[in-house]
Amino acid sequence: MQAIITLTIALLSNAAAAAQSTPEILKMYEHFTLSSAAAGKCYKPTEQELALFLANYELVTRMSSQYIKNKKPSLTDKQASQILLDAGKRATDMVYREIEEASCTSPKIQDLIKRFKVQSAWKPGKQPSGK
């Protein structure tokens, strides 16, 4: 799954360097996207939990888009957002395939649901944990 964000970075910089050092904000975006996809199909969060998660996901998405814009200033805001949306769709599709093949009880999916819960409780300014 790490390959999705690495691929996005490769579009913006040297591919060899991208494979070794995906920026933390893009890793966070990928983690939020993956856990969102798993929870959307396999977990029913409380309203509060969902609201907190979505607020945190929105923050990470904005910061990721800004990172892309800073790396490649020639991109418009819409183009930077589209890069994230495309990577997010590929990540979501991977999660959906895992659910189809192994069900919501798959250890991978259960790990993503645990991550969703951690990300819901995350307070910006602190690094989310729980992988």
N, C-alpha and C. Protein backbone atom coordinates (compact mmCIF):
# COMPACT_ATOMS: atom_id res chain seq x y z
N MET A 1 0.82 -1.19 0.00
CA MET A 1 0.00 0.00 0.00
C MET A 1 0.87 1.25 0.00
N GLN A 2 2.05 1.13 0.55
CA GLN A 2 2.99 2.24 0.56
C GLN A 2 3.32 2.69 -0.86
N ALA A 3 3.20 1.79 -1.82
CA ALA A 3 3.55 2.10 -3.20
C ALA A 3 2.67 3.21 -3.78
N ILE A 4 1.46 3.35 -3.32
CA ILE A 4 0.55 4.36 -3.86
C ILE A 4 1.08 5.75 -3.60
N ILE A 5 1.44 6.04 -2.38
CA ILE A 5 1.95 7.37 -2.05
C ILE A 5 3.33 7.55 -2.66
N THR A 6 4.14 6.50 -2.66
CA THR A 6 5.45 6.59 -3.28
C THR A 6 5.31 6.94 -4.75
N LEU A 7 4.31 6.36 -5.41
CA LEU A 7 4.04 6.67 -6.81
C LEU A 7 3.67 8.14 -6.98
N THR A 8 2.89 8.66 -6.09
CA THR A 8 2.51 10.07 -6.15
C THR A 8 3.74 10.96 -6.02
N ILE A 9 4.59 10.63 -5.08
CA ILE A 9 5.81 11.42 -4.88
C ILE A 9 6.72 11.30 -6.10
N ALA A 10 6.75 10.13 -6.70
CA ALA A 10 7.59 9.96 -7.88
C ALA A 10 7.17 10.91 -9.00
N LEU A 11 5.91 11.24 -9.05
CA LEU A 11 5.45 12.20 -10.04
C LEU A 11 6.04 13.58 -9.79
N LEU A 12 6.38 13.84 -8.54
CA LEU A 12 6.82 15.17 -8.14
C LEU A 12 8.33 15.30 -8.01
N SER A 13 9.04 14.20 -7.88
CA SER A 13 10.47 14.29 -7.62
C SER A 13 11.19 13.08 -8.18
N ASN A 14 12.45 12.97 -7.83
CA ASN A 14 13.27 11.85 -8.23
C ASN A 14 12.69 10.55 -7.67
N ALA A 15 12.41 9.58 -8.53
CA ALA A 15 11.75 8.34 -8.12
C ALA A 15 12.56 7.55 -7.09
N ALA A 16 13.87 7.51 -7.24
CA ALA A 16 14.70 6.76 -6.29
C ALA A 16 14.62 7.39 -4.90
N ALA A 17 14.69 8.70 -4.84
CA ALA A 17 14.59 9.38 -3.55
C ALA A 17 13.20 9.20 -2.96
N ALA A 18 12.17 9.22 -3.80
CA ALA A 18 10.80 9.07 -3.34
C ALA A 18 10.58 7.72 -2.69
N ALA A 19 11.14 6.68 -3.26
CA ALA A 19 10.95 5.34 -2.72
C ALA A 19 11.56 5.22 -1.32
N GLN A 20 12.61 6.00 -1.05
CA GLN A 20 13.28 5.89 0.24
C GLN A 20 12.72 6.83 1.30
N SER A 21 12.07 7.92 0.89
CA SER A 21 11.71 8.93 1.89
C SER A 21 10.36 9.58 1.61
N THR A 22 9.31 8.79 1.68
CA THR A 22 7.98 9.37 1.53
C THR A 22 7.74 10.30 2.71
N PRO A 23 7.37 11.54 2.45
CA PRO A 23 7.13 12.48 3.55
C PRO A 23 6.04 11.99 4.49
N GLU A 24 6.22 12.30 5.76
CA GLU A 24 5.30 11.82 6.80
C GLU A 24 3.85 12.22 6.52
N ILE A 25 3.61 13.43 6.04
CA ILE A 25 2.23 13.86 5.81
C ILE A 25 1.55 13.00 4.74
N LEU A 26 2.29 12.58 3.74
CA LEU A 26 1.69 11.73 2.71
C LEU A 26 1.46 10.31 3.22
N LYS A 27 2.33 9.85 4.10
CA LYS A 27 2.10 8.55 4.75
C LYS A 27 0.82 8.62 5.59
N MET A 28 0.67 9.74 6.30
CA MET A 28 -0.53 9.91 7.12
C MET A 28 -1.78 9.92 6.23
N TYR A 29 -1.72 10.61 5.11
CA TYR A 29 -2.86 10.64 4.19
C TYR A 29 -3.21 9.23 3.75
N GLU A 30 -2.20 8.47 3.39
CA GLU A 30 -2.45 7.09 2.96
C GLU A 30 -3.09 6.28 4.09
N HIS A 31 -2.57 6.43 5.30
CA HIS A 31 -3.12 5.68 6.44
C HIS A 31 -4.57 6.06 6.70
N PHE A 32 -4.88 7.35 6.65
CA PHE A 32 -6.26 7.79 6.84
C PHE A 32 -7.16 7.24 5.73
N THR A 33 -6.68 7.27 4.51
CA THR A 33 -7.48 6.79 3.38
C THR A 33 -7.77 5.29 3.51
N LEU A 34 -6.76 4.53 3.84
CA LEU A 34 -6.93 3.09 3.99
C LEU A 34 -7.90 2.75 5.13
N SER A 35 -7.72 3.40 6.27
CA SER A 35 -8.59 3.10 7.41
C SER A 35 -10.01 3.58 7.15
N SER A 36 -10.15 4.68 6.45
CA SER A 36 -11.49 5.17 6.10
C SER A 36 -12.23 4.16 5.22
N ALA A 37 -11.52 3.61 4.25
CA ALA A 37 -12.14 2.63 3.36
C ALA A 37 -12.57 1.38 4.13
N ALA A 38 -11.71 0.90 5.02
CA ALA A 38 -12.03 -0.30 5.79
C ALA A 38 -13.20 -0.04 6.74
N ALA A 39 -13.15 1.07 7.43
CA ALA A 39 -14.23 1.38 8.38
C ALA A 39 -15.54 1.63 7.66
N GLY A 40 -15.47 2.22 6.48
CA GLY A 40 -16.69 2.49 5.72
C GLY A 40 -17.46 1.23 5.36
N LYS A 41 -16.74 0.14 5.19
CA LYS A 41 -17.38 -1.13 4.83
C LYS A 41 -17.58 -2.08 6.01
N CYS A 42 -16.75 -1.94 7.05
CA CYS A 42 -16.70 -2.98 8.07
C CYS A 42 -16.86 -2.51 9.51
N TYR A 43 -17.17 -1.25 9.73
CA TYR A 43 -17.25 -0.75 11.09
C TYR A 43 -18.29 0.34 11.16
N LYS A 44 -19.04 0.38 12.25
CA LYS A 44 -20.04 1.42 12.45
C LYS A 44 -19.59 2.31 13.61
N PRO A 45 -18.92 3.43 13.29
CA PRO A 45 -18.46 4.32 14.36
C PRO A 45 -19.63 5.10 14.95
N THR A 46 -19.41 5.62 16.14
CA THR A 46 -20.40 6.53 16.72
C THR A 46 -20.35 7.82 15.91
N GLU A 47 -21.38 8.65 16.07
CA GLU A 47 -21.40 9.93 15.36
C GLU A 47 -20.19 10.77 15.75
N GLN A 48 -19.88 10.79 17.03
CA GLN A 48 -18.75 11.59 17.50
C GLN A 48 -17.43 11.05 16.94
N GLU A 49 -17.27 9.75 16.98
CA GLU A 49 -16.06 9.13 16.45
C GLU A 49 -15.88 9.46 14.97
N LEU A 50 -16.98 9.37 14.22
CA LEU A 50 -16.92 9.67 12.79
C LEU A 50 -16.60 11.15 12.55
N ALA A 51 -17.22 12.03 13.31
CA ALA A 51 -16.98 13.47 13.15
C ALA A 51 -15.51 13.81 13.45
N LEU A 52 -14.96 13.22 14.50
CA LEU A 52 -13.56 13.47 14.84
C LEU A 52 -12.63 12.93 13.76
N PHE A 53 -12.92 11.73 13.29
CA PHE A 53 -12.10 11.14 12.24
C PHE A 53 -12.13 12.02 10.99
N LEU A 54 -13.33 12.43 10.58
CA LEU A 54 -13.45 13.23 9.36
C LEU A 54 -12.74 14.57 9.49
N ALA A 55 -12.80 15.19 10.65
CA ALA A 55 -12.09 16.45 10.87
C ALA A 55 -10.58 16.24 10.74
N ASN A 56 -10.08 15.17 11.33
CA ASN A 56 -8.65 14.87 11.25
C ASN A 56 -8.24 14.51 9.82
N TYR A 57 -9.07 13.74 9.14
CA TYR A 57 -8.80 13.35 7.76
C TYR A 57 -8.76 14.59 6.86
N GLU A 58 -9.68 15.50 7.08
CA GLU A 58 -9.72 16.73 6.29
C GLU A 58 -8.43 17.55 6.50
N LEU A 59 -8.00 17.64 7.74
CA LEU A 59 -6.76 18.37 8.04
C LEU A 59 -5.57 17.73 7.33
N VAL A 60 -5.45 16.42 7.43
CA VAL A 60 -4.34 15.70 6.80
C VAL A 60 -4.42 15.85 5.28
N THR A 61 -5.61 15.82 4.73
CA THR A 61 -5.78 15.97 3.29
C THR A 61 -5.34 17.36 2.84
N ARG A 62 -5.76 18.39 3.56
CA ARG A 62 -5.34 19.76 3.22
C ARG A 62 -3.83 19.91 3.30
N MET A 63 -3.24 19.38 4.34
CA MET A 63 -1.79 19.48 4.51
C MET A 63 -1.05 18.69 3.42
N SER A 64 -1.60 17.56 3.03
CA SER A 64 -0.98 16.76 1.96
C SER A 64 -1.06 17.48 0.62
N SER A 65 -2.19 18.06 0.35
CA SER A 65 -2.36 18.82 -0.89
C SER A 65 -1.39 20.01 -0.92
N GLN A 66 -1.25 20.68 0.20
CA GLN A 66 -0.32 21.80 0.28
C GLN A 66 1.12 21.34 0.09
N TYR A 67 1.45 20.20 0.65
CA TYR A 67 2.79 19.64 0.47
C TYR A 67 3.07 19.42 -1.01
N ILE A 68 2.12 18.83 -1.71
CA ILE A 68 2.28 18.57 -3.14
C ILE A 68 2.45 19.89 -3.90
N LYS A 69 1.63 20.88 -3.56
CA LYS A 69 1.74 22.20 -4.19
C LYS A 69 3.11 22.82 -3.93
N ASN A 70 3.61 22.69 -2.72
CA ASN A 70 4.92 23.25 -2.39
C ASN A 70 6.04 22.56 -3.16
N LYS A 71 5.90 21.23 -3.37
CA LYS A 71 6.90 20.47 -4.10
C LYS A 71 6.88 20.82 -5.58
N LYS A 72 5.70 21.13 -6.08
CA LYS A 72 5.53 21.41 -7.51
C LYS A 72 4.64 22.65 -7.66
N PRO A 73 5.22 23.83 -7.47
CA PRO A 73 4.43 25.08 -7.47
C PRO A 73 3.65 25.34 -8.76
N SER A 74 4.04 24.71 -9.84
CA SER A 74 3.33 24.94 -11.10
C SER A 74 1.93 24.31 -11.11
N LEU A 75 1.66 23.42 -10.16
CA LEU A 75 0.35 22.78 -10.09
C LEU A 75 -0.68 23.76 -9.52
N THR A 76 -1.90 23.65 -10.03
CA THR A 76 -2.99 24.41 -9.43
C THR A 76 -3.46 23.65 -8.19
N ASP A 77 -4.27 24.32 -7.37
CA ASP A 77 -4.84 23.64 -6.20
C ASP A 77 -5.64 22.42 -6.65
N LYS A 78 -6.38 22.58 -7.73
CA LYS A 78 -7.21 21.49 -8.24
C LYS A 78 -6.35 20.31 -8.70
N GLN A 79 -5.23 20.59 -9.36
CA GLN A 79 -4.35 19.52 -9.82
C GLN A 79 -3.72 18.78 -8.63
N ALA A 80 -3.30 19.52 -7.63
CA ALA A 80 -2.71 18.89 -6.44
C ALA A 80 -3.76 18.02 -5.74
N SER A 81 -4.97 18.53 -5.63
CA SER A 81 -6.05 17.74 -5.02
C SER A 81 -6.35 16.50 -5.83
N GLN A 82 -6.30 16.62 -7.15
CA GLN A 82 -6.60 15.47 -8.02
C GLN A 82 -5.55 14.37 -7.85
N ILE A 83 -4.30 14.75 -7.66
CA ILE A 83 -3.24 13.75 -7.42
C ILE A 83 -3.59 12.95 -6.17
N LEU A 84 -4.01 13.64 -5.12
CA LEU A 84 -4.39 12.95 -3.89
C LEU A 84 -5.62 12.09 -4.10
N LEU A 85 -6.62 12.63 -4.78
CA LEU A 85 -7.85 11.86 -5.03
C LEU A 85 -7.55 10.58 -5.81
N ASP A 86 -6.70 10.68 -6.81
CA ASP A 86 -6.36 9.51 -7.61
C ASP A 86 -5.63 8.45 -6.77
N ALA A 87 -4.67 8.89 -5.97
CA ALA A 87 -3.95 7.96 -5.09
C ALA A 87 -4.91 7.37 -4.06
N GLY A 88 -5.81 8.20 -3.54
CA GLY A 88 -6.79 7.72 -2.57
C GLY A 88 -7.73 6.69 -3.15
N LYS A 89 -8.14 6.89 -4.41
CA LYS A 89 -9.02 5.92 -5.05
C LYS A 89 -8.32 4.58 -5.22
N ARG A 90 -7.07 4.61 -5.62
CA ARG A 90 -6.32 3.35 -5.75
C ARG A 90 -6.19 2.65 -4.40
N ALA A 91 -5.93 3.41 -3.35
CA ALA A 91 -5.81 2.82 -2.01
C ALA A 91 -7.14 2.22 -1.56
N THR A 92 -8.22 2.97 -1.79
CA THR A 92 -9.56 2.49 -1.42
C THR A 92 -9.90 1.22 -2.17
N ASP A 93 -9.59 1.18 -3.46
CA ASP A 93 -9.86 -0.02 -4.27
C ASP A 93 -9.11 -1.23 -3.73
N MET A 94 -7.87 -1.02 -3.27
CA MET A 94 -7.10 -2.13 -2.70
C MET A 94 -7.77 -2.67 -1.44
N VAL A 95 -8.28 -1.78 -0.61
CA VAL A 95 -8.96 -2.21 0.62
C VAL A 95 -10.23 -2.97 0.25
N TYR A 96 -10.98 -2.45 -0.69
CA TYR A 96 -12.22 -3.13 -1.10
C TYR A 96 -11.94 -4.52 -1.65
N ARG A 97 -10.84 -4.66 -2.40
CA ARG A 97 -10.48 -5.99 -2.92
C ARG A 97 -10.16 -6.94 -1.77
N GLU A 98 -9.44 -6.44 -0.77
CA GLU A 98 -9.11 -7.27 0.39
C GLU A 98 -10.38 -7.72 1.11
N ILE A 99 -11.34 -6.82 1.23
CA ILE A 99 -12.61 -7.17 1.88
C ILE A 99 -13.35 -8.22 1.07
N GLU A 100 -13.37 -8.06 -0.26
CA GLU A 100 -14.04 -9.03 -1.13
C GLU A 100 -13.39 -10.41 -1.02
N GLU A 101 -12.06 -10.43 -0.98
CA GLU A 101 -11.33 -11.70 -0.97
C GLU A 101 -11.28 -12.35 0.40
N ALA A 102 -11.16 -11.55 1.46
CA ALA A 102 -10.92 -12.12 2.78
C ALA A 102 -11.96 -11.72 3.83
N SER A 103 -12.87 -10.85 3.49
CA SER A 103 -13.95 -10.37 4.36
C SER A 103 -13.47 -9.34 5.38
N CYS A 104 -14.42 -8.81 6.09
CA CYS A 104 -14.12 -7.79 7.12
C CYS A 104 -13.34 -8.37 8.29
N THR A 105 -13.32 -9.68 8.42
CA THR A 105 -12.59 -10.30 9.52
C THR A 105 -11.10 -10.49 9.20
N SER A 106 -10.69 -10.13 7.99
CA SER A 106 -9.28 -10.22 7.61
C SER A 106 -8.42 -9.46 8.62
N PRO A 107 -7.30 -10.03 9.03
CA PRO A 107 -6.41 -9.32 9.95
C PRO A 107 -5.99 -7.95 9.42
N LYS A 108 -5.78 -7.83 8.13
CA LYS A 108 -5.41 -6.54 7.54
C LYS A 108 -6.52 -5.51 7.74
N ILE A 109 -7.75 -5.94 7.51
CA ILE A 109 -8.89 -5.04 7.66
C ILE A 109 -9.10 -4.69 9.13
N GLN A 110 -8.96 -5.67 9.99
CA GLN A 110 -9.10 -5.40 11.42
C GLN A 110 -8.03 -4.42 11.92
N ASP A 111 -6.82 -4.53 11.39
CA ASP A 111 -5.76 -3.57 11.74
C ASP A 111 -6.14 -2.17 11.27
N LEU A 112 -6.73 -2.06 10.09
CA LEU A 112 -7.14 -0.75 9.58
C LEU A 112 -8.27 -0.16 10.42
N ILE A 113 -9.15 -1.01 10.91
CA ILE A 113 -10.24 -0.51 11.78
C ILE A 113 -9.66 -0.02 13.11
N LYS A 114 -8.68 -0.73 13.63
CA LYS A 114 -8.00 -0.25 14.85
C LYS A 114 -7.36 1.10 14.59
N ARG A 115 -6.73 1.24 13.43
CA ARG A 115 -6.11 2.51 13.08
C ARG A 115 -7.15 3.61 12.98
N PHE A 116 -8.32 3.30 12.41
CA PHE A 116 -9.42 4.28 12.32
C PHE A 116 -9.76 4.82 13.71
N LYS A 117 -9.85 3.92 14.68
CA LYS A 117 -10.19 4.32 16.04
C LYS A 117 -9.12 5.23 16.63
N VAL A 118 -7.86 4.91 16.39
CA VAL A 118 -6.75 5.74 16.87
C VAL A 118 -6.80 7.11 16.18
N GLN A 119 -7.04 7.11 14.89
CA GLN A 119 -7.08 8.37 14.14
C GLN A 119 -8.26 9.23 14.57
N SER A 120 -9.34 8.61 14.98
CA SER A 120 -10.48 9.36 15.49
C SER A 120 -10.14 10.08 16.78
N ALA A 121 -9.33 9.44 17.61
CA ALA A 121 -8.96 10.00 18.91
C ALA A 121 -7.76 10.94 18.83
N TRP A 122 -7.10 10.98 17.68
CA TRP A 122 -5.90 11.80 17.51
C TRP A 122 -6.19 13.27 17.69
N LYS A 123 -5.32 13.92 18.42
CA LYS A 123 -5.38 15.36 18.59
C LYS A 123 -4.26 15.96 17.75
N PRO A 124 -4.57 16.75 16.74
CA PRO A 124 -3.51 17.33 15.90
C PRO A 124 -2.45 18.01 16.76
N GLY A 125 -1.23 17.84 16.32
CA GLY A 125 -0.09 18.32 17.10
C GLY A 125 0.62 17.14 17.74
N LYS A 126 -0.09 16.00 17.81
CA LYS A 126 0.48 14.76 18.32
C LYS A 126 0.50 13.76 17.17
N GLN A 127 1.51 12.96 17.10
CA GLN A 127 1.63 11.96 16.05
C GLN A 127 0.62 10.83 16.31
N PRO A 128 -0.24 10.49 15.32
CA PRO A 128 -1.13 9.33 15.55
C PRO A 128 -0.30 8.06 15.66
N SER A 129 -0.68 7.20 16.56
CA SER A 129 0.03 5.92 16.70
C SER A 129 -0.95 4.79 16.49
N GLY A 130 -0.44 3.60 16.50
CA GLY A 130 -1.31 2.43 16.34
C GLY A 130 -1.38 2.01 14.91
N LYS A 131 -0.46 1.18 14.52
CA LYS A 131 -0.40 0.73 13.13
C LYS A 131 -0.93 -0.64 12.98
